[in-house]
């Protein structure tokens, strides 16, 4: 089983659950990634980025917001060993 996680550091990671191995890490987004989801087929990852409220309501100004859909390749979602 392959799944994706994301976080406030602006990165998302693709994992192989059965082998307990990280398959891919991203270089980072300019803002916290607030949600991510892999399609059932594994052919794409959708993630949203924007302010994550870690510093309260007064610190949200100027943070980019958006939605990105990343098409995945077989190499990204399959473990090599």
C-alpha atoms as a PDB file:
ATOM      1  CA  UNK A   1       0.000   0.000   0.000  1.00  0.00           C
ATOM      2  CA  UNK A   2       1.264   3.465  -0.919  1.00  0.00           C
ATOM      3  CA  UNK A   3       0.153   6.661   0.814  1.00  0.00           C
ATOM      4  CA  UNK A   4       1.109  10.328   1.129  1.00  0.00           C
ATOM      5  CA  UNK A   5       1.711  12.605   4.130  1.00  0.00           C
ATOM      6  CA  UNK A   6       2.312  16.343   4.293  1.00  0.00           C
ATOM      7  CA  UNK A   7       3.093  19.069   6.775  1.00  0.00           C
ATOM      8  CA  UNK A   8       3.692  22.615   7.809  1.00  0.00           C
ATOM      9  CA  UNK A   9       7.255  22.547   6.498  1.00  0.00           C
ATOM     10  CA  UNK A  10       5.895  22.640   2.920  1.00  0.00           C
ATOM     11  CA  UNK A  11       6.874  19.069   2.018  1.00  0.00           C
ATOM     12  CA  UNK A  12       4.906  15.984   1.120  1.00  0.00           C
ATOM     13  CA  UNK A  13       6.179  12.430   1.292  1.00  0.00           C
ATOM     14  CA  UNK A  14       5.157   9.265  -0.549  1.00  0.00           C
ATOM     15  CA  UNK A  15       5.442   6.086   1.544  1.00  0.00           C
ATOM     16  CA  UNK A  16       5.324   2.327   1.038  1.00  0.00           C
ATOM     17  CA  UNK A  17       3.412   1.119   4.101  1.00  0.00           C
ATOM     18  CA  UNK A  18       4.289  -2.554   3.786  1.00  0.00           C
ATOM     19  CA  UNK A  19       8.040  -1.967   3.443  1.00  0.00           C
ATOM     20  CA  UNK A  20       7.970   0.958   5.911  1.00  0.00           C
ATOM     21  CA  UNK A  21       9.974   3.009   3.435  1.00  0.00           C
ATOM     22  CA  UNK A  22       9.773   6.589   2.181  1.00  0.00           C
ATOM     23  CA  UNK A  23       9.678   6.482  -1.610  1.00  0.00           C
ATOM     24  CA  UNK A  24       9.858  10.206  -2.369  1.00  0.00           C
ATOM     25  CA  UNK A  25      10.207  13.524  -0.617  1.00  0.00           C
ATOM     26  CA  UNK A  26       9.518  16.851  -2.275  1.00  0.00           C
ATOM     27  CA  UNK A  27      11.744  19.902  -2.326  1.00  0.00           C
ATOM     28  CA  UNK A  28       9.234  22.015  -0.482  1.00  0.00           C
ATOM     29  CA  UNK A  29       6.457  24.464  -1.092  1.00  0.00           C
ATOM     30  CA  UNK A  30       6.652  28.183  -0.210  1.00  0.00           C
ATOM     31  CA  UNK A  31       3.841  27.706   2.317  1.00  0.00           C
ATOM     32  CA  UNK A  32       2.642  24.999   4.704  1.00  0.00           C
ATOM     33  CA  UNK A  33       0.855  22.111   3.002  1.00  0.00           C
ATOM     34  CA  UNK A  34      -2.437  21.958   4.865  1.00  0.00           C
ATOM     35  CA  UNK A  35      -3.961  18.838   3.265  1.00  0.00           C
ATOM     36  CA  UNK A  36      -2.969  16.126   0.806  1.00  0.00           C
ATOM     37  CA  UNK A  37      -4.582  13.107  -0.785  1.00  0.00           C
ATOM     38  CA  UNK A  38      -3.485  10.421  -3.232  1.00  0.00           C
ATOM     39  CA  UNK A  39      -6.000   9.109  -5.756  1.00  0.00           C
ATOM     40  CA  UNK A  40      -7.122   5.504  -5.312  1.00  0.00           C
ATOM     41  CA  UNK A  41      -5.189   4.470  -8.416  1.00  0.00           C
ATOM     42  CA  UNK A  42      -2.085   6.354  -7.244  1.00  0.00           C
ATOM     43  CA  UNK A  43      -1.962   8.303 -10.506  1.00  0.00           C
ATOM     44  CA  UNK A  44      -2.103  11.731  -8.858  1.00  0.00           C
ATOM     45  CA  UNK A  45      -1.614  13.599  -5.609  1.00  0.00           C
ATOM     46  CA  UNK A  46      -3.642  16.687  -4.745  1.00  0.00           C
ATOM     47  CA  UNK A  47      -2.498  19.069  -2.046  1.00  0.00           C
ATOM     48  CA  UNK A  48      -3.486  22.463  -0.714  1.00  0.00           C
ATOM     49  CA  UNK A  49      -1.118  25.029   0.642  1.00  0.00           C
ATOM     50  CA  UNK A  50      -1.640  28.166   2.668  1.00  0.00           C
ATOM     51  CA  UNK A  51      -1.552  29.514   6.171  1.00  0.00           C
ATOM     52  CA  UNK A  52      -1.955  26.740   8.766  1.00  0.00           C
ATOM     53  CA  UNK A  53      -2.799  28.930  11.799  1.00  0.00           C
ATOM     54  CA  UNK A  54       0.353  27.804  13.659  1.00  0.00           C
ATOM     55  CA  UNK A  55       1.054  31.421  14.684  1.00  0.00           C
ATOM     56  CA  UNK A  56      -2.518  32.510  15.354  1.00  0.00           C
ATOM     57  CA  UNK A  57      -5.001  34.592  13.398  1.00  0.00           C
ATOM     58  CA  UNK A  58      -2.905  37.769  13.246  1.00  0.00           C
ATOM     59  CA  UNK A  59       0.015  36.234  11.320  1.00  0.00           C
ATOM     60  CA  UNK A  60      -1.767  35.037   8.169  1.00  0.00           C
ATOM     61  CA  UNK A  61      -1.075  38.025   5.903  1.00  0.00           C
ATOM     62  CA  UNK A  62       0.925  37.441   2.746  1.00  0.00           C
ATOM     63  CA  UNK A  63       0.973  33.654   2.785  1.00  0.00           C
ATOM     64  CA  UNK A  64       0.271  32.176  -0.672  1.00  0.00           C
ATOM     65  CA  UNK A  65      -2.736  29.864  -0.942  1.00  0.00           C
ATOM     66  CA  UNK A  66      -3.652  27.331  -3.579  1.00  0.00           C
ATOM     67  CA  UNK A  67      -4.383  23.842  -4.775  1.00  0.00           C
ATOM     68  CA  UNK A  68      -1.945  21.756  -6.793  1.00  0.00           C
ATOM     69  CA  UNK A  69      -2.447  18.428  -8.541  1.00  0.00           C
ATOM     70  CA  UNK A  70       0.700  16.413  -9.173  1.00  0.00           C
ATOM     71  CA  UNK A  71       0.501  13.530 -11.653  1.00  0.00           C
ATOM     72  CA  UNK A  72       2.619  10.659 -10.327  1.00  0.00           C
ATOM     73  CA  UNK A  73       4.801   8.265 -12.257  1.00  0.00           C
ATOM     74  CA  UNK A  74       5.147   4.546 -11.621  1.00  0.00           C
ATOM     75  CA  UNK A  75       8.684   5.210 -10.344  1.00  0.00           C
ATOM     76  CA  UNK A  76       7.388   7.580  -7.649  1.00  0.00           C
ATOM     77  CA  UNK A  77       4.843   5.186  -6.174  1.00  0.00           C
ATOM     78  CA  UNK A  78       6.556   1.800  -6.447  1.00  0.00           C
ATOM     79  CA  UNK A  79       9.335   0.609  -4.174  1.00  0.00           C
ATOM     80  CA  UNK A  80      12.523  -0.369  -5.980  1.00  0.00           C
ATOM     81  CA  UNK A  81      13.569  -3.055  -3.506  1.00  0.00           C
END
